Amino acid sequence: MSDAEKTLETIHKFRKAGFYVEIDDFGKGYSSLSLLKDIEVDMLKIDMDFLKKTKDEIKSIVILESIITLTKNLGIDVITEGVETKAQVDSLNQLGCSLFQGYYFSKPISVPEFEKKYS
């Protein structure tokens, strides 16, 4: 995002060509709330750090719920990465998130393994 104007133009071209645009690792690094007002994005992937144990679990839950609510209000799909337990799936469902990625569902597999398993 060092050249925001060029990046926004490129993203617009991708979407116009039919690509689905996702912000990965939201809540960490270069992702910020200001991006959401300027970027045409289809999905936001919540960083797995929000699922890790922390001193203040309540703050973590409030932040997760706020991000999920915000994305819904903006018409953006949301997925949470790093989901490893049924308890996490249940908690995220209660917060309004219904898309997940993580070892709870599958460890990374090769394309041939995927095709064999899901074709």
C-alpha atoms as a PDB file:
ATOM      1  CA  MET A   1       0.000   0.000   0.000  1.00  0.00           C
ATOM      2  CA  SER A   2       2.984   2.327  -0.448  1.00  0.00           C
ATOM      3  CA  ASP A   3       1.243   3.688  -3.563  1.00  0.00           C
ATOM      4  CA  ALA A   4      -2.388   3.553  -2.440  1.00  0.00           C
ATOM      5  CA  GLU A   5      -3.828   5.191  -5.549  1.00  0.00           C
ATOM      6  CA  LYS A   6      -2.158   2.690  -7.898  1.00  0.00           C
ATOM      7  CA  THR A   7      -3.133  -0.227  -5.641  1.00  0.00           C
ATOM      8  CA  LEU A   8      -6.783   0.867  -5.556  1.00  0.00           C
ATOM      9  CA  GLU A   9      -6.784   1.226  -9.343  1.00  0.00           C
ATOM     10  CA  THR A  10      -5.308  -2.272  -9.759  1.00  0.00           C
ATOM     11  CA  ILE A  11      -7.870  -3.782  -7.373  1.00  0.00           C
ATOM     12  CA  HIS A  12     -10.670  -2.057  -9.279  1.00  0.00           C
ATOM     13  CA  LYS A  13      -9.365  -3.569 -12.541  1.00  0.00           C
ATOM     14  CA  PHE A  14      -9.237  -7.043 -10.967  1.00  0.00           C
ATOM     15  CA  ARG A  15     -12.823  -6.775  -9.714  1.00  0.00           C
ATOM     16  CA  LYS A  16     -13.991  -5.450 -13.079  1.00  0.00           C
ATOM     17  CA  ALA A  17     -12.384  -8.516 -14.695  1.00  0.00           C
ATOM     18  CA  GLY A  18     -14.376 -10.755 -12.345  1.00  0.00           C
ATOM     19  CA  PHE A  19     -11.823 -11.489  -9.652  1.00  0.00           C
ATOM     20  CA  TYR A  20     -12.899 -11.865  -6.015  1.00  0.00           C
ATOM     21  CA  VAL A  21     -10.777  -9.601  -3.787  1.00  0.00           C
ATOM     22  CA  GLU A  22      -9.873 -10.539  -0.226  1.00  0.00           C
ATOM     23  CA  ILE A  23      -7.980  -8.751   2.536  1.00  0.00           C
ATOM     24  CA  ASP A  24      -5.865 -11.419   4.226  1.00  0.00           C
ATOM     25  CA  ASP A  25      -4.670 -11.387   7.858  1.00  0.00           C
ATOM     26  CA  PHE A  26      -7.018  -8.555   8.819  1.00  0.00           C
ATOM     27  CA  GLY A  27      -6.126  -7.048  12.179  1.00  0.00           C
ATOM     28  CA  LYS A  28      -2.403  -7.568  11.760  1.00  0.00           C
ATOM     29  CA  GLY A  29       0.418  -5.786   9.984  1.00  0.00           C
ATOM     30  CA  TYR A  30      -0.625  -3.354   7.256  1.00  0.00           C
ATOM     31  CA  SER A  31      -4.370  -3.993   7.446  1.00  0.00           C
ATOM     32  CA  SER A  32      -6.327  -1.150   8.947  1.00  0.00           C
ATOM     33  CA  LEU A  33      -9.877   0.072   9.218  1.00  0.00           C
ATOM     34  CA  SER A  34      -9.131   2.908   6.816  1.00  0.00           C
ATOM     35  CA  LEU A  35      -8.564   0.319   4.064  1.00  0.00           C
ATOM     36  CA  LEU A  36     -12.199  -0.743   4.327  1.00  0.00           C
ATOM     37  CA  LYS A  37     -13.485   2.682   3.347  1.00  0.00           C
ATOM     38  CA  ASP A  38     -11.335   2.916   0.223  1.00  0.00           C
ATOM     39  CA  ILE A  39     -10.817  -0.611  -1.130  1.00  0.00           C
ATOM     40  CA  GLU A  40     -13.489  -2.465  -3.074  1.00  0.00           C
ATOM     41  CA  VAL A  41     -13.166  -5.784  -1.297  1.00  0.00           C
ATOM     42  CA  ASP A  42     -15.339  -8.900  -1.343  1.00  0.00           C
ATOM     43  CA  MET A  43     -13.982 -10.754   1.669  1.00  0.00           C
ATOM     44  CA  LEU A  44     -12.047 -10.053   4.801  1.00  0.00           C
ATOM     45  CA  LYS A  45     -10.033 -12.849   6.428  1.00  0.00           C
ATOM     46  CA  ILE A  46      -9.640 -12.356  10.185  1.00  0.00           C
ATOM     47  CA  ASP A  47      -6.129 -13.151  11.358  1.00  0.00           C
ATOM     48  CA  MET A  48      -5.696 -16.269  13.468  1.00  0.00           C
ATOM     49  CA  ASP A  49      -4.083 -14.262  16.280  1.00  0.00           C
ATOM     50  CA  PHE A  50      -7.576 -13.317  17.444  1.00  0.00           C
ATOM     51  CA  LEU A  51      -8.186 -16.982  18.340  1.00  0.00           C
ATOM     52  CA  LYS A  52      -5.022 -17.411  20.395  1.00  0.00           C
ATOM     53  CA  LYS A  53      -5.129 -17.368  24.175  1.00  0.00           C
ATOM     54  CA  THR A  54      -4.746 -13.901  25.636  1.00  0.00           C
ATOM     55  CA  LYS A  55      -4.795 -12.221  29.025  1.00  0.00           C
ATOM     56  CA  ASP A  56      -8.140 -10.609  28.268  1.00  0.00           C
ATOM     57  CA  GLU A  57     -10.440 -13.026  26.425  1.00  0.00           C
ATOM     58  CA  ILE A  58     -13.362 -10.590  26.686  1.00  0.00           C
ATOM     59  CA  LYS A  59     -11.513  -7.916  24.695  1.00  0.00           C
ATOM     60  CA  SER A  60     -10.646 -10.487  22.038  1.00  0.00           C
ATOM     61  CA  ILE A  61     -14.296 -11.540  21.734  1.00  0.00           C
ATOM     62  CA  VAL A  62     -15.481  -7.915  21.563  1.00  0.00           C
ATOM     63  CA  ILE A  63     -12.977  -7.182  18.787  1.00  0.00           C
ATOM     64  CA  LEU A  64     -13.956 -10.317  16.843  1.00  0.00           C
ATOM     65  CA  GLU A  65     -17.649  -9.550  17.150  1.00  0.00           C
ATOM     66  CA  SER A  66     -17.066  -5.943  16.092  1.00  0.00           C
ATOM     67  CA  ILE A  67     -15.113  -6.975  12.988  1.00  0.00           C
ATOM     68  CA  ILE A  68     -17.776  -9.522  12.035  1.00  0.00           C
ATOM     69  CA  THR A  69     -20.592  -6.998  12.525  1.00  0.00           C
ATOM     70  CA  LEU A  70     -18.665  -4.313  10.633  1.00  0.00           C
ATOM     71  CA  THR A  71     -18.079  -6.562   7.627  1.00  0.00           C
ATOM     72  CA  LYS A  72     -21.735  -7.567   7.507  1.00  0.00           C
ATOM     73  CA  ASN A  73     -22.816  -3.927   7.672  1.00  0.00           C
ATOM     74  CA  LEU A  74     -20.438  -3.136   4.798  1.00  0.00           C
ATOM     75  CA  GLY A  75     -21.670  -6.076   2.718  1.00  0.00           C
ATOM     76  CA  ILE A  76     -18.324  -7.870   2.922  1.00  0.00           C
ATOM     77  CA  ASP A  77     -18.007 -11.617   3.504  1.00  0.00           C
ATOM     78  CA  VAL A  78     -15.874 -12.646   6.483  1.00  0.00           C
ATOM     79  CA  ILE A  79     -13.804 -15.752   7.152  1.00  0.00           C
ATOM     80  CA  THR A  80     -11.738 -16.571  10.222  1.00  0.00           C
ATOM     81  CA  GLU A  81      -8.435 -18.389   9.804  1.00  0.00           C
ATOM     82  CA  GLY A  82      -6.663 -20.625  12.273  1.00  0.00           C
ATOM     83  CA  VAL A  83      -9.764 -22.452  13.498  1.00  0.00           C
ATOM     84  CA  GLU A  84      -8.603 -25.602  15.296  1.00  0.00           C
ATOM     85  CA  THR A  85     -11.449 -26.680  17.598  1.00  0.00           C
ATOM     86  CA  LYS A  86     -15.198 -27.221  17.596  1.00  0.00           C
ATOM     87  CA  ALA A  87     -15.443 -24.734  20.476  1.00  0.00           C
ATOM     88  CA  GLN A  88     -13.916 -22.053  18.221  1.00  0.00           C
ATOM     89  CA  VAL A  89     -16.373 -22.895  15.436  1.00  0.00           C
ATOM     90  CA  ASP A  90     -19.285 -22.681  17.883  1.00  0.00           C
ATOM     91  CA  SER A  91     -18.076 -19.370  19.363  1.00  0.00           C
ATOM     92  CA  LEU A  92     -17.517 -17.814  15.947  1.00  0.00           C
ATOM     93  CA  ASN A  93     -20.940 -18.989  14.785  1.00  0.00           C
ATOM     94  CA  GLN A  94     -22.486 -17.278  17.806  1.00  0.00           C
ATOM     95  CA  LEU A  95     -20.627 -14.087  16.858  1.00  0.00           C
ATOM     96  CA  GLY A  96     -22.048 -14.268  13.322  1.00  0.00           C
ATOM     97  CA  CYS A  97     -19.142 -15.775  11.383  1.00  0.00           C
ATOM     98  CA  SER A  98     -20.015 -18.807   9.291  1.00  0.00           C
ATOM     99  CA  LEU A  99     -16.894 -19.258   7.144  1.00  0.00           C
ATOM    100  CA  PHE A 100     -13.760 -20.790   8.606  1.00  0.00           C
ATOM    101  CA  GLN A 101     -10.321 -22.015   7.631  1.00  0.00           C
ATOM    102  CA  GLY A 102      -8.055 -24.156   9.752  1.00  0.00           C
ATOM    103  CA  TYR A 103      -6.793 -27.499  10.944  1.00  0.00           C
ATOM    104  CA  TYR A 104     -10.161 -28.321  12.490  1.00  0.00           C
ATOM    105  CA  PHE A 105     -11.330 -29.001   8.930  1.00  0.00           C
ATOM    106  CA  SER A 106      -8.117 -30.134   7.235  1.00  0.00           C
ATOM    107  CA  LYS A 107      -4.390 -29.731   7.366  1.00  0.00           C
ATOM    108  CA  PRO A 108      -2.904 -28.345   4.126  1.00  0.00           C
ATOM    109  CA  ILE A 109      -3.051 -30.909   1.330  1.00  0.00           C
ATOM    110  CA  SER A 110      -1.731 -31.080  -2.223  1.00  0.00           C
ATOM    111  CA  VAL A 111      -3.916 -30.356  -5.254  1.00  0.00           C
ATOM    112  CA  PRO A 112      -4.073 -34.067  -6.226  1.00  0.00           C
ATOM    113  CA  GLU A 113      -5.101 -35.001  -2.662  1.00  0.00           C
ATOM    114  CA  PHE A 114      -7.758 -32.302  -2.693  1.00  0.00           C
ATOM    115  CA  GLU A 115      -9.124 -33.423  -6.053  1.00  0.00           C
ATOM    116  CA  LYS A 116      -9.228 -37.053  -4.940  1.00  0.00           C
ATOM    117  CA  LYS A 117     -10.957 -36.195  -1.670  1.00  0.00           C
ATOM    118  CA  TYR A 118     -13.468 -33.619  -2.959  1.00  0.00           C
ATOM    119  CA  SER A 119     -14.138 -34.515  -6.600  1.00  0.00           C
END
